[in-house]
Amino acid sequence: MLDRAIAALKSNEHTALSQFNDQNNKQFHDRDLYVFCFNMSDGKVTSYSAPFLIGADVRTLTLVNDPIGQRAYDTVRNAPEGKIAILQYKMPKPGTIEPATKLSFETRIGNQGCGVTYYE
């Protein structure tokens, strides 16, 4: 899914972000898998499965005491463009309260930091 997102971003960033935000687009949404993106210049979320987060500064997002948004931003900022970096964190699976390991595969294409996450 991340490979498709990278190709779409390289082809047309505006169209790609629109496709990523379309919950009915099965290329970029499959059950609990989806593409998320944020702008590298200001940290603003440009694509996410929860529309209310679009426009929020990713660097301010936290999970309990984990500054996950800042970690995601730094992971992509510090990696060479196009290199896929892996970020690990804990988050309960839908319908549960027990934290589970989640992996986020992230990369930077142009001015967008994007990724796809899944539970281990």
PDB file of N, CA and C in Angstrom:
ATOM      1  N   MET A   1       0.827  -1.183   0.000  1.00  0.00           N
ATOM      2  CA  MET A   1       0.000   0.000   0.000  1.00  0.00           C
ATOM      3  C   MET A   1       0.882   1.261   0.000  1.00  0.00           C
ATOM      4  N   LEU A   2       1.974   1.225   0.767  1.00  0.00           N
ATOM      5  CA  LEU A   2       2.866   2.385   0.789  1.00  0.00           C
ATOM      6  C   LEU A   2       3.514   2.594  -0.570  1.00  0.00           C
ATOM      7  N   ASP A   3       3.863   1.515  -1.254  1.00  0.00           N
ATOM      8  CA  ASP A   3       4.438   1.654  -2.599  1.00  0.00           C
ATOM      9  C   ASP A   3       3.450   2.339  -3.545  1.00  0.00           C
ATOM     10  N   ARG A   4       2.160   1.979  -3.461  1.00  0.00           N
ATOM     11  CA  ARG A   4       1.142   2.633  -4.294  1.00  0.00           C
ATOM     12  C   ARG A   4       1.023   4.105  -3.926  1.00  0.00           C
ATOM     13  N   ALA A   5       1.102   4.403  -2.635  1.00  0.00           N
ATOM     14  CA  ALA A   5       1.006   5.793  -2.183  1.00  0.00           C
ATOM     15  C   ALA A   5       2.188   6.618  -2.699  1.00  0.00           C
ATOM     16  N   ILE A   6       3.369   6.045  -2.646  1.00  0.00           N
ATOM     17  CA  ILE A   6       4.562   6.744  -3.144  1.00  0.00           C
ATOM     18  C   ILE A   6       4.404   7.057  -4.627  1.00  0.00           C
ATOM     19  N   ALA A   7       3.983   6.067  -5.405  1.00  0.00           N
ATOM     20  CA  ALA A   7       3.791   6.275  -6.847  1.00  0.00           C
ATOM     21  C   ALA A   7       2.740   7.354  -7.102  1.00  0.00           C
ATOM     22  N   ALA A   8       1.643   7.327  -6.346  1.00  0.00           N
ATOM     23  CA  ALA A   8       0.586   8.327  -6.522  1.00  0.00           C
ATOM     24  C   ALA A   8       1.089   9.718  -6.170  1.00  0.00           C
ATOM     25  N   LEU A   9       1.856   9.853  -5.094  1.00  0.00           N
ATOM     26  CA  LEU A   9       2.402  11.158  -4.704  1.00  0.00           C
ATOM     27  C   LEU A   9       3.354  11.702  -5.763  1.00  0.00           C
ATOM     28  N   LYS A  10       4.178  10.835  -6.307  1.00  0.00           N
ATOM     29  CA  LYS A  10       5.130  11.270  -7.341  1.00  0.00           C
ATOM     30  C   LYS A  10       4.397  11.707  -8.603  1.00  0.00           C
ATOM     31  N   SER A  11       3.269  11.076  -8.892  1.00  0.00           N
ATOM     32  CA  SER A  11       2.502  11.401 -10.090  1.00  0.00           C
ATOM     33  C   SER A  11       1.765  12.732  -9.954  1.00  0.00           C
ATOM     34  N   ASN A  12       1.048  12.913  -8.826  1.00  0.00           N
ATOM     35  CA  ASN A  12       0.272  14.137  -8.610  1.00  0.00           C
ATOM     36  C   ASN A  12      -0.093  14.220  -7.133  1.00  0.00           C
ATOM     37  N   GLU A  13       0.610  15.068  -6.389  1.00  0.00           N
ATOM     38  CA  GLU A  13       0.424  15.145  -4.941  1.00  0.00           C
ATOM     39  C   GLU A  13      -1.011  15.497  -4.557  1.00  0.00           C
ATOM     40  N   HIS A  14      -1.596  16.476  -5.202  1.00  0.00           N
ATOM     41  CA  HIS A  14      -2.955  16.909  -4.855  1.00  0.00           C
ATOM     42  C   HIS A  14      -3.961  15.762  -5.043  1.00  0.00           C
ATOM     43  N   THR A  15      -3.897  15.096  -6.178  1.00  0.00           N
ATOM     44  CA  THR A  15      -4.800  13.976  -6.455  1.00  0.00           C
ATOM     45  C   THR A  15      -4.555  12.836  -5.473  1.00  0.00           C
ATOM     46  N   ALA A  16      -3.283  12.554  -5.192  1.00  0.00           N
ATOM     47  CA  ALA A  16      -2.949  11.466  -4.279  1.00  0.00           C
ATOM     48  C   ALA A  16      -3.539  11.718  -2.892  1.00  0.00           C
ATOM     49  N   LEU A  17      -3.373  12.922  -2.363  1.00  0.00           N
ATOM     50  CA  LEU A  17      -3.902  13.228  -1.032  1.00  0.00           C
ATOM     51  C   LEU A  17      -5.422  13.105  -1.013  1.00  0.00           C
ATOM     52  N   SER A  18      -6.061  13.514  -2.087  1.00  0.00           N
ATOM     53  CA  SER A  18      -7.518  13.365  -2.189  1.00  0.00           C
ATOM     54  C   SER A  18      -7.907  11.884  -2.159  1.00  0.00           C
ATOM     55  N   GLN A  19      -7.160  11.060  -2.873  1.00  0.00           N
ATOM     56  CA  GLN A  19      -7.429   9.612  -2.888  1.00  0.00           C
ATOM     57  C   GLN A  19      -7.182   8.996  -1.515  1.00  0.00           C
ATOM     58  N   PHE A  20      -6.114   9.417  -0.825  1.00  0.00           N
ATOM     59  CA  PHE A  20      -5.803   8.885   0.499  1.00  0.00           C
ATOM     60  C   PHE A  20      -6.926   9.209   1.489  1.00  0.00           C
ATOM     61  N   ASN A  21      -7.555  10.377   1.331  1.00  0.00           N
ATOM     62  CA  ASN A  21      -8.606  10.814   2.254  1.00  0.00           C
ATOM     63  C   ASN A  21      -9.979  10.259   1.911  1.00  0.00           C
ATOM     64  N   ASP A  22     -10.109   9.589   0.771  1.00  0.00           N
ATOM     65  CA  ASP A  22     -11.379   8.987   0.360  1.00  0.00           C
ATOM     66  C   ASP A  22     -11.510   7.613   1.019  1.00  0.00           C
ATOM     67  N   GLN A  23     -12.335   7.517   2.053  1.00  0.00           N
ATOM     68  CA  GLN A  23     -12.503   6.272   2.804  1.00  0.00           C
ATOM     69  C   GLN A  23     -12.962   5.108   1.925  1.00  0.00           C
ATOM     70  N   ASN A  24     -13.556   5.397   0.774  1.00  0.00           N
ATOM     71  CA  ASN A  24     -14.050   4.351  -0.126  1.00  0.00           C
ATOM     72  C   ASN A  24     -13.007   3.894  -1.142  1.00  0.00           C
ATOM     73  N   ASN A  25     -11.844   4.537  -1.156  1.00  0.00           N
ATOM     74  CA  ASN A  25     -10.798   4.175  -2.095  1.00  0.00           C
ATOM     75  C   ASN A  25     -10.036   2.967  -1.540  1.00  0.00           C
ATOM     76  N   LYS A  26     -10.315   1.798  -2.094  1.00  0.00           N
ATOM     77  CA  LYS A  26      -9.752   0.545  -1.583  1.00  0.00           C
ATOM     78  C   LYS A  26      -8.257   0.391  -1.869  1.00  0.00           C
ATOM     79  N   GLN A  27      -7.711   1.221  -2.750  1.00  0.00           N
ATOM     80  CA  GLN A  27      -6.261   1.179  -2.982  1.00  0.00           C
ATOM     81  C   GLN A  27      -5.501   1.667  -1.758  1.00  0.00           C
ATOM     82  N   PHE A  28      -6.128   2.583  -1.004  1.00  0.00           N
ATOM     83  CA  PHE A  28      -5.438   3.218   0.112  1.00  0.00           C
ATOM     84  C   PHE A  28      -6.151   3.033   1.448  1.00  0.00           C
ATOM     85  N   HIS A  29      -7.190   2.195   1.458  1.00  0.00           N
ATOM     86  CA  HIS A  29      -7.918   1.843   2.682  1.00  0.00           C
ATOM     87  C   HIS A  29      -8.298   0.368   2.611  1.00  0.00           C
ATOM     88  N   ASP A  30      -7.821  -0.406   3.568  1.00  0.00           N
ATOM     89  CA  ASP A  30      -8.164  -1.826   3.622  1.00  0.00           C
ATOM     90  C   ASP A  30      -8.281  -2.212   5.094  1.00  0.00           C
ATOM     91  N   ARG A  31      -9.515  -2.328   5.569  1.00  0.00           N
ATOM     92  CA  ARG A  31      -9.813  -2.592   6.981  1.00  0.00           C
ATOM     93  C   ARG A  31      -9.137  -1.545   7.857  1.00  0.00           C
ATOM     94  N   ASP A  32      -8.168  -1.934   8.721  1.00  0.00           N
ATOM     95  CA  ASP A  32      -7.521  -0.934   9.565  1.00  0.00           C
ATOM     96  C   ASP A  32      -6.202  -0.427   8.979  1.00  0.00           C
ATOM     97  N   LEU A  33      -5.951  -0.726   7.714  1.00  0.00           N
ATOM     98  CA  LEU A  33      -4.779  -0.187   7.013  1.00  0.00           C
ATOM     99  C   LEU A  33      -5.202   1.032   6.202  1.00  0.00           C
ATOM    100  N   TYR A  34      -4.410   2.074   6.265  1.00  0.00           N
ATOM    101  CA  TYR A  34      -4.691   3.295   5.508  1.00  0.00           C
ATOM    102  C   TYR A  34      -3.407   4.107   5.399  1.00  0.00           C
ATOM    103  N   VAL A  35      -3.384   5.027   4.464  1.00  0.00           N
ATOM    104  CA  VAL A  35      -2.246   5.927   4.274  1.00  0.00           C
ATOM    105  C   VAL A  35      -2.495   7.187   5.096  1.00  0.00           C
ATOM    106  N   PHE A  36      -1.478   7.632   5.801  1.00  0.00           N
ATOM    107  CA  PHE A  36      -1.532   8.930   6.476  1.00  0.00           C
ATOM    108  C   PHE A  36      -0.375   9.774   5.969  1.00  0.00           C
ATOM    109  N   CYS A  37      -0.564  11.088   5.970  1.00  0.00           N
ATOM    110  CA  CYS A  37       0.486  12.000   5.514  1.00  0.00           C
ATOM    111  C   CYS A  37       0.470  13.280   6.337  1.00  0.00           C
ATOM    112  N   PHE A  38       1.617  13.943   6.336  1.00  0.00           N
ATOM    113  CA  PHE A  38       1.731  15.261   6.955  1.00  0.00           C
ATOM    114  C   PHE A  38       2.735  16.082   6.162  1.00  0.00           C
ATOM    115  N   ASN A  39       2.543  17.387   6.205  1.00  0.00           N
ATOM    116  CA  ASN A  39       3.383  18.332   5.493  1.00  0.00           C
ATOM    117  C   ASN A  39       4.689  18.502   6.267  1.00  0.00           C
ATOM    118  N   MET A  40       5.819  18.387   5.601  1.00  0.00           N
ATOM    119  CA  MET A  40       7.108  18.477   6.278  1.00  0.00           C
ATOM    120  C   MET A  40       7.460  19.913   6.674  1.00  0.00           C
ATOM    121  N   SER A  41       6.907  20.907   6.014  1.00  0.00           N
ATOM    122  CA  SER A  41       7.285  22.283   6.349  1.00  0.00           C
ATOM    123  C   SER A  41       6.592  22.797   7.597  1.00  0.00           C
ATOM    124  N   ASP A  42       5.337  22.403   7.829  1.00  0.00           N
ATOM    125  CA  ASP A  42       4.621  22.915   9.005  1.00  0.00           C
ATOM    126  C   ASP A  42       4.045  21.818   9.898  1.00  0.00           C
ATOM    127  N   GLY A  43       4.230  20.550   9.535  1.00  0.00           N
ATOM    128  CA  GLY A  43       3.763  19.439  10.356  1.00  0.00           C
ATOM    129  C   GLY A  43       2.277  19.160  10.273  1.00  0.00           C
ATOM    130  N   LYS A  44       1.541  19.894   9.447  1.00  0.00           N
ATOM    131  CA  LYS A  44       0.088  19.732   9.379  1.00  0.00           C
ATOM    132  C   LYS A  44      -0.288  18.403   8.713  1.00  0.00           C
ATOM    133  N   VAL A  45      -1.227  17.688   9.339  1.00  0.00           N
ATOM    134  CA  VAL A  45      -1.724  16.426   8.789  1.00  0.00           C
ATOM    135  C   VAL A  45      -2.500  16.726   7.515  1.00  0.00           C
ATOM    136  N   THR A  46      -2.162  16.037   6.441  1.00  0.00           N
ATOM    137  CA  THR A  46      -2.829  16.232   5.143  1.00  0.00           C
ATOM    138  C   THR A  46      -3.684  15.037   4.748  1.00  0.00           C
ATOM    139  N   SER A  47      -3.453  13.897   5.398  1.00  0.00           N
ATOM    140  CA  SER A  47      -4.249  12.697   5.131  1.00  0.00           C
ATOM    141  C   SER A  47      -4.264  11.831   6.379  1.00  0.00           C
ATOM    142  N   TYR A  48      -5.482  11.368   6.743  1.00  0.00           N
ATOM    143  CA  TYR A  48      -5.614  10.500   7.916  1.00  0.00           C
ATOM    144  C   TYR A  48      -6.981   9.845   7.877  1.00  0.00           C
ATOM    145  N   SER A  49      -7.105   8.690   8.515  1.00  0.00           N
ATOM    146  CA  SER A  49      -8.387   7.986   8.501  1.00  0.00           C
ATOM    147  C   SER A  49      -9.438   8.688   9.355  1.00  0.00           C
ATOM    148  N   ALA A  50      -9.008   9.509  10.299  1.00  0.00           N
ATOM    149  CA  ALA A  50      -9.930  10.290  11.125  1.00  0.00           C
ATOM    150  C   ALA A  50      -9.896  11.732  10.604  1.00  0.00           C
ATOM    151  N   PRO A  51     -10.898  12.135   9.813  1.00  0.00           N
ATOM    152  CA  PRO A  51     -10.867  13.448   9.169  1.00  0.00           C
ATOM    153  C   PRO A  51     -10.678  14.636  10.114  1.00  0.00           C
ATOM    154  N   PHE A  52     -11.085  14.496  11.383  1.00  0.00           N
ATOM    155  CA  PHE A  52     -10.943  15.621  12.308  1.00  0.00           C
ATOM    156  C   PHE A  52      -9.479  15.958  12.602  1.00  0.00           C
ATOM    157  N   LEU A  53      -8.544  15.052  12.278  1.00  0.00           N
ATOM    158  CA  LEU A  53      -7.127  15.334  12.502  1.00  0.00           C
ATOM    159  C   LEU A  53      -6.473  16.077  11.338  1.00  0.00           C
ATOM    160  N   ILE A  54      -7.140  16.159  10.210  1.00  0.00           N
ATOM    161  CA  ILE A  54      -6.562  16.864   9.066  1.00  0.00           C
ATOM    162  C   ILE A  54      -6.423  18.345   9.433  1.00  0.00           C
ATOM    163  N   GLY A  55      -5.215  18.845   9.251  1.00  0.00           N
ATOM    164  CA  GLY A  55      -4.903  20.230   9.611  1.00  0.00           C
ATOM    165  C   GLY A  55      -4.244  20.358  10.972  1.00  0.00           C
ATOM    166  N   ALA A  56      -4.311  19.300  11.794  1.00  0.00           N
ATOM    167  CA  ALA A  56      -3.637  19.324  13.095  1.00  0.00           C
ATOM    168  C   ALA A  56      -2.132  19.179  12.888  1.00  0.00           C
ATOM    169  N   ASP A  57      -1.355  19.681  13.808  1.00  0.00           N
ATOM    170  CA  ASP A  57       0.098  19.552  13.746  1.00  0.00           C
ATOM    171  C   ASP A  57       0.477  18.167  14.268  1.00  0.00           C
ATOM    172  N   VAL A  58       0.998  17.317  13.399  1.00  0.00           N
ATOM    173  CA  VAL A  58       1.338  15.945  13.767  1.00  0.00           C
ATOM    174  C   VAL A  58       2.295  15.923  14.958  1.00  0.00           C
ATOM    175  N   ARG A  59       3.134  16.935  15.078  1.00  0.00           N
ATOM    176  CA  ARG A  59       4.149  16.954  16.137  1.00  0.00           C
ATOM    177  C   ARG A  59       3.544  17.078  17.529  1.00  0.00           C
ATOM    178  N   THR A  60       2.263  17.449  17.617  1.00  0.00           N
ATOM    179  CA  THR A  60       1.609  17.613  18.922  1.00  0.00           C
ATOM    180  C   THR A  60       0.843  16.361  19.357  1.00  0.00           C
ATOM    181  N   LEU A  61       0.751  15.346  18.500  1.00  0.00           N
ATOM    182  CA  LEU A  61      -0.027  14.151  18.819  1.00  0.00           C
ATOM    183  C   LEU A  61       0.751  13.227  19.758  1.00  0.00           C
ATOM    184  N   THR A  62       0.055  12.778  20.809  1.00  0.00           N
ATOM    185  CA  THR A  62       0.676  11.876  21.773  1.00  0.00           C
ATOM    186  C   THR A  62      -0.238  10.685  22.044  1.00  0.00           C
ATOM    187  N   LEU A  63       0.365   9.587  22.448  1.00  0.00           N
ATOM    188  CA  LEU A  63      -0.347   8.393  22.927  1.00  0.00           C
ATOM    189  C   LEU A  63       0.144   8.149  24.341  1.00  0.00           C
ATOM    190  N   VAL A  64      -0.698   8.379  25.316  1.00  0.00           N
ATOM    191  CA  VAL A  64      -0.346   8.293  26.730  1.00  0.00           C
ATOM    192  C   VAL A  64       0.856   9.219  26.946  1.00  0.00           C
ATOM    193  N   ASN A  65       2.032   8.698  27.225  1.00  0.00           N
ATOM    194  CA  ASN A  65       3.219   9.530  27.432  1.00  0.00           C
ATOM    195  C   ASN A  65       4.198   9.462  26.265  1.00  0.00           C
ATOM    196  N   ASP A  66       3.751   8.924  25.140  1.00  0.00           N
ATOM    197  CA  ASP A  66       4.600   8.763  23.960  1.00  0.00           C
ATOM    198  C   ASP A  66       4.324   9.893  22.972  1.00  0.00           C
ATOM    199  N   PRO A  67       5.313  10.741  22.705  1.00  0.00           N
ATOM    200  CA  PRO A  67       5.126  11.817  21.722  1.00  0.00           C
ATOM    201  C   PRO A  67       5.193  11.261  20.296  1.00  0.00           C
ATOM    202  N   ILE A  68       4.263  10.379  19.958  1.00  0.00           N
ATOM    203  CA  ILE A  68       4.285   9.634  18.704  1.00  0.00           C
ATOM    204  C   ILE A  68       4.325  10.544  17.476  1.00  0.00           C
ATOM    205  N   GLY A  69       3.611  11.656  17.520  1.00  0.00           N
ATOM    206  CA  GLY A  69       3.604  12.567  16.380  1.00  0.00           C
ATOM    207  C   GLY A  69       4.968  13.170  16.122  1.00  0.00           C
ATOM    208  N   GLN A  70       5.636  13.625  17.171  1.00  0.00           N
ATOM    209  CA  GLN A  70       6.988  14.179  17.019  1.00  0.00           C
ATOM    210  C   GLN A  70       7.950  13.100  16.558  1.00  0.00           C
ATOM    211  N   ARG A  71       7.800  11.892  17.101  1.00  0.00           N
ATOM    212  CA  ARG A  71       8.673  10.788  16.675  1.00  0.00           C
ATOM    213  C   ARG A  71       8.466  10.466  15.199  1.00  0.00           C
ATOM    214  N   ALA A  72       7.201  10.462  14.741  1.00  0.00           N
ATOM    215  CA  ALA A  72       6.911  10.188  13.325  1.00  0.00           C
ATOM    216  C   ALA A  72       7.536  11.265  12.446  1.00  0.00           C
ATOM    217  N   TYR A  73       7.350  12.514  12.842  1.00  0.00           N
ATOM    218  CA  TYR A  73       7.896  13.642  12.079  1.00  0.00           C
ATOM    219  C   TYR A  73       9.427  13.536  12.007  1.00  0.00           C
ATOM    220  N   ASP A  74      10.076  13.314  13.152  1.00  0.00           N
ATOM    221  CA  ASP A  74      11.538  13.228  13.191  1.00  0.00           C
ATOM    222  C   ASP A  74      12.055  12.038  12.399  1.00  0.00           C
ATOM    223  N   THR A  75      11.348  10.917  12.458  1.00  0.00           N
ATOM    224  CA  THR A  75      11.761   9.723  11.722  1.00  0.00           C
ATOM    225  C   THR A  75      11.836  10.012  10.232  1.00  0.00           C
ATOM    226  N   VAL A  76      10.808  10.678   9.708  1.00  0.00           N
ATOM    227  CA  VAL A  76      10.762  10.980   8.278  1.00  0.00           C
ATOM    228  C   VAL A  76      11.737  12.108   7.931  1.00  0.00           C
ATOM    229  N   ARG A  77      11.792  13.130   8.769  1.00  0.00           N
ATOM    230  CA  ARG A  77      12.676  14.277   8.510  1.00  0.00           C
ATOM    231  C   ARG A  77      14.134  13.842   8.449  1.00  0.00           C
ATOM    232  N   ASN A  78      14.527  12.904   9.307  1.00  0.00           N
ATOM    233  CA  ASN A  78      15.930  12.499   9.404  1.00  0.00           C
ATOM    234  C   ASN A  78      16.327  11.400   8.431  1.00  0.00           C
ATOM    235  N   ALA A  79      15.361  10.851   7.702  1.00  0.00           N
ATOM    236  CA  ALA A  79      15.667   9.799   6.727  1.00  0.00           C
ATOM    237  C   ALA A  79      15.823  10.416   5.335  1.00  0.00           C
ATOM    238  N   PRO A  80      16.666   9.834   4.504  1.00  0.00           N
ATOM    239  CA  PRO A  80      16.774  10.330   3.121  1.00  0.00           C
ATOM    240  C   PRO A  80      15.435  10.195   2.403  1.00  0.00           C
ATOM    241  N   GLU A  81      15.137  11.135   1.523  1.00  0.00           N
ATOM    242  CA  GLU A  81      13.877  11.081   0.770  1.00  0.00           C
ATOM    243  C   GLU A  81      13.758   9.748   0.048  1.00  0.00           C
ATOM    244  N   GLY A  82      12.578   9.130   0.166  1.00  0.00           N
ATOM    245  CA  GLY A  82      12.299   7.867  -0.497  1.00  0.00           C
ATOM    246  C   GLY A  82      12.702   6.637   0.297  1.00  0.00           C
ATOM    247  N   LYS A  83      13.523   6.811   1.348  1.00  0.00           N
ATOM    248  CA  LYS A  83      13.908   5.663   2.186  1.00  0.00           C
ATOM    249  C   LYS A  83      12.771   5.378   3.155  1.00  0.00           C
ATOM    250  N   ILE A  84      12.437   4.112   3.305  1.00  0.00           N
ATOM    251  CA  ILE A  84      11.370   3.727   4.225  1.00  0.00           C
ATOM    252  C   ILE A  84      11.971   3.482   5.603  1.00  0.00           C
ATOM    253  N   ALA A  85      11.424   4.182   6.580  1.00  0.00           N
ATOM    254  CA  ALA A  85      11.854   4.041   7.965  1.00  0.00           C
ATOM    255  C   ALA A  85      10.728   3.367   8.751  1.00  0.00           C
ATOM    256  N   ILE A  86      11.089   2.662   9.807  1.00  0.00           N
ATOM    257  CA  ILE A  86      10.105   1.951  10.615  1.00  0.00           C
ATOM    258  C   ILE A  86      10.063   2.558  12.010  1.00  0.00           C
ATOM    259  N   LEU A  87       8.848   2.841  12.450  1.00  0.00           N
ATOM    260  CA  LEU A  87       8.603   3.386  13.783  1.00  0.00           C
ATOM    261  C   LEU A  87       7.707   2.400  14.530  1.00  0.00           C
ATOM    262  N   GLN A  88       8.078   2.052  15.749  1.00  0.00           N
ATOM    263  CA  GLN A  88       7.294   1.111  16.547  1.00  0.00           C
ATOM    264  C   GLN A  88       6.676   1.851  17.725  1.00  0.00           C
ATOM    265  N   TYR A  89       5.420   1.499  18.051  1.00  0.00           N
ATOM    266  CA  TYR A  89       4.751   2.085  19.209  1.00  0.00           C
ATOM    267  C   TYR A  89       3.658   1.147  19.698  1.00  0.00           C
ATOM    268  N   LYS A  90       3.054   1.483  20.817  1.00  0.00           N
ATOM    269  CA  LYS A  90       1.993   0.668  21.420  1.00  0.00           C
ATOM    270  C   LYS A  90       0.673   1.413  21.325  1.00  0.00           C
ATOM    271  N   MET A  91      -0.375   0.674  20.924  1.00  0.00           N
ATOM    272  CA  MET A  91      -1.723   1.235  20.814  1.00  0.00           C
ATOM    273  C   MET A  91      -2.713   0.074  20.903  1.00  0.00           C
ATOM    274  N   PRO A  92      -3.803   0.246  21.638  1.00  0.00           N
ATOM    275  CA  PRO A  92      -4.788  -0.849  21.692  1.00  0.00           C
ATOM    276  C   PRO A  92      -5.402  -1.119  20.317  1.00  0.00           C
ATOM    277  N   LYS A  93      -5.629  -2.389  20.044  1.00  0.00           N
ATOM    278  CA  LYS A  93      -6.353  -2.742  18.823  1.00  0.00           C
ATOM    279  C   LYS A  93      -7.797  -2.281  18.976  1.00  0.00           C
ATOM    280  N   PRO A  94      -8.471  -2.018  17.859  1.00  0.00           N
ATOM    281  CA  PRO A  94      -9.877  -1.593  17.950  1.00  0.00           C
ATOM    282  C   PRO A  94     -10.701  -2.566  18.794  1.00  0.00           C
ATOM    283  N   GLY A  95     -11.473  -2.027  19.714  1.00  0.00           N
ATOM    284  CA  GLY A  95     -12.337  -2.843  20.556  1.00  0.00           C
ATOM    285  C   GLY A  95     -11.647  -3.436  21.772  1.00  0.00           C
ATOM    286  N   THR A  96     -10.365  -3.080  21.992  1.00  0.00           N
ATOM    287  CA  THR A  96      -9.633  -3.601  23.154  1.00  0.00           C
ATOM    288  C   THR A  96      -9.049  -2.435  23.953  1.00  0.00           C
ATOM    289  N   ILE A  97      -8.540  -2.744  25.129  1.00  0.00           N
ATOM    290  CA  ILE A  97      -7.881  -1.711  25.931  1.00  0.00           C
ATOM    291  C   ILE A  97      -6.410  -2.041  26.183  1.00  0.00           C
ATOM    292  N   GLU A  98      -6.009  -3.261  25.888  1.00  0.00           N
ATOM    293  CA  GLU A  98      -4.629  -3.692  26.106  1.00  0.00           C
ATOM    294  C   GLU A  98      -3.732  -3.186  24.967  1.00  0.00           C
ATOM    295  N   PRO A  99      -2.648  -2.464  25.285  1.00  0.00           N
ATOM    296  CA  PRO A  99      -1.754  -1.975  24.227  1.00  0.00           C
ATOM    297  C   PRO A  99      -1.137  -3.124  23.428  1.00  0.00           C
ATOM    298  N   ALA A 100      -1.083  -2.948  22.130  1.00  0.00           N
ATOM    299  CA  ALA A 100      -0.468  -3.924  21.229  1.00  0.00           C
ATOM    300  C   ALA A 100       0.602  -3.211  20.410  1.00  0.00           C
ATOM    301  N   THR A 101       1.585  -3.955  19.939  1.00  0.00           N
ATOM    302  CA  THR A 101       2.662  -3.369  19.139  1.00  0.00           C
ATOM    303  C   THR A 101       2.150  -3.039  17.749  1.00  0.00           C
ATOM    304  N   LYS A 102       2.443  -1.831  17.327  1.00  0.00           N
ATOM    305  CA  LYS A 102       2.071  -1.378  15.998  1.00  0.00           C
ATOM    306  C   LYS A 102       3.331  -0.872  15.307  1.00  0.00           C
ATOM    307  N   LEU A 103       3.471  -1.205  14.039  1.00  0.00           N
ATOM    308  CA  LEU A 103       4.609  -0.751  13.243  1.00  0.00           C
ATOM    309  C   LEU A 103       4.121   0.240  12.205  1.00  0.00           C
ATOM    310  N   SER A 104       4.880   1.303  12.034  1.00  0.00           N
ATOM    311  CA  SER A 104       4.556   2.315  11.048  1.00  0.00           C
ATOM    312  C   SER A 104       5.703   2.386  10.048  1.00  0.00           C
ATOM    313  N   PHE A 105       5.390   2.154   8.787  1.00  0.00           N
ATOM    314  CA  PHE A 105       6.367   2.259   7.713  1.00  0.00           C
ATOM    315  C   PHE A 105       6.174   3.630   7.083  1.00  0.00           C
ATOM    316  N   GLU A 106       7.207   4.472   7.144  1.00  0.00           N
ATOM    317  CA  GLU A 106       7.075   5.875   6.755  1.00  0.00           C
ATOM    318  C   GLU A 106       8.183   6.286   5.800  1.00  0.00           C
ATOM    319  N   THR A 107       7.855   7.280   4.964  1.00  0.00           N
ATOM    320  CA  THR A 107       8.834   7.816   4.034  1.00  0.00           C
ATOM    321  C   THR A 107       8.499   9.263   3.721  1.00  0.00           C
ATOM    322  N   ARG A 108       9.437   9.949   3.104  1.00  0.00           N
ATOM    323  CA  ARG A 108       9.220  11.334   2.677  1.00  0.00           C
ATOM    324  C   ARG A 108       9.306  11.383   1.155  1.00  0.00           C
ATOM    325  N   ILE A 109       8.260  11.943   0.548  1.00  0.00           N
ATOM    326  CA  ILE A 109       8.222  12.153  -0.895  1.00  0.00           C
ATOM    327  C   ILE A 109       7.918  13.634  -1.098  1.00  0.00           C
ATOM    328  N   GLY A 110       8.888  14.365  -1.623  1.00  0.00           N
ATOM    329  CA  GLY A 110       8.706  15.809  -1.763  1.00  0.00           C
ATOM    330  C   GLY A 110       8.524  16.425  -0.385  1.00  0.00           C
ATOM    331  N   ASN A 111       7.453  17.173  -0.201  1.00  0.00           N
ATOM    332  CA  ASN A 111       7.184  17.847   1.070  1.00  0.00           C
ATOM    333  C   ASN A 111       6.201  17.064   1.944  1.00  0.00           C
ATOM    334  N   GLN A 112       5.897  15.824   1.580  1.00  0.00           N
ATOM    335  CA  GLN A 112       4.970  15.008   2.357  1.00  0.00           C
ATOM    336  C   GLN A 112       5.693  13.876   3.061  1.00  0.00           C
ATOM    337  N   GLY A 113       5.416  13.726   4.340  1.00  0.00           N
ATOM    338  CA  GLY A 113       5.835  12.548   5.083  1.00  0.00           C
ATOM    339  C   GLY A 113       4.615  11.642   5.134  1.00  0.00           C
ATOM    340  N   CYS A 114       4.724  10.411   4.671  1.00  0.00           N
ATOM    341  CA  CYS A 114       3.571   9.522   4.610  1.00  0.00           C
ATOM    342  C   CYS A 114       3.938   8.143   5.141  1.00  0.00           C
ATOM    343  N   GLY A 115       2.919   7.420   5.562  1.00  0.00           N
ATOM    344  CA  GLY A 115       3.151   6.089   6.057  1.00  0.00           C
ATOM    345  C   GLY A 115       1.917   5.232   6.104  1.00  0.00           C
ATOM    346  N   VAL A 116       2.126   3.984   6.450  1.00  0.00           N
ATOM    347  CA  VAL A 116       1.062   2.997   6.640  1.00  0.00           C
ATOM    348  C   VAL A 116       1.435   2.240   7.905  1.00  0.00           C
ATOM    349  N   THR A 117       0.463   2.004   8.782  1.00  0.00           N
ATOM    350  CA  THR A 117       0.735   1.283  10.017  1.00  0.00           C
ATOM    351  C   THR A 117      -0.047  -0.031  10.069  1.00  0.00           C
ATOM    352  N   TYR A 118       0.472  -0.977  10.835  1.00  0.00           N
ATOM    353  CA  TYR A 118      -0.279  -2.212  11.049  1.00  0.00           C
ATOM    354  C   TYR A 118       0.135  -2.803  12.392  1.00  0.00           C
ATOM    355  N   TYR A 119      -0.758  -3.621  12.949  1.00  0.00           N
ATOM    356  CA  TYR A 119      -0.469  -4.305  14.206  1.00  0.00           C
ATOM    357  C   TYR A 119       0.385  -5.529  13.936  1.00  0.00           C
ATOM    358  N   GLU A 120       1.356  -5.764  14.796  1.00  0.00           N
ATOM    359  CA  GLU A 120       2.213  -6.945  14.677  1.00  0.00           C
ATOM    360  C   GLU A 120       1.438  -8.189  15.002  1.00  0.00           C
TER     361      GLU A 120
END
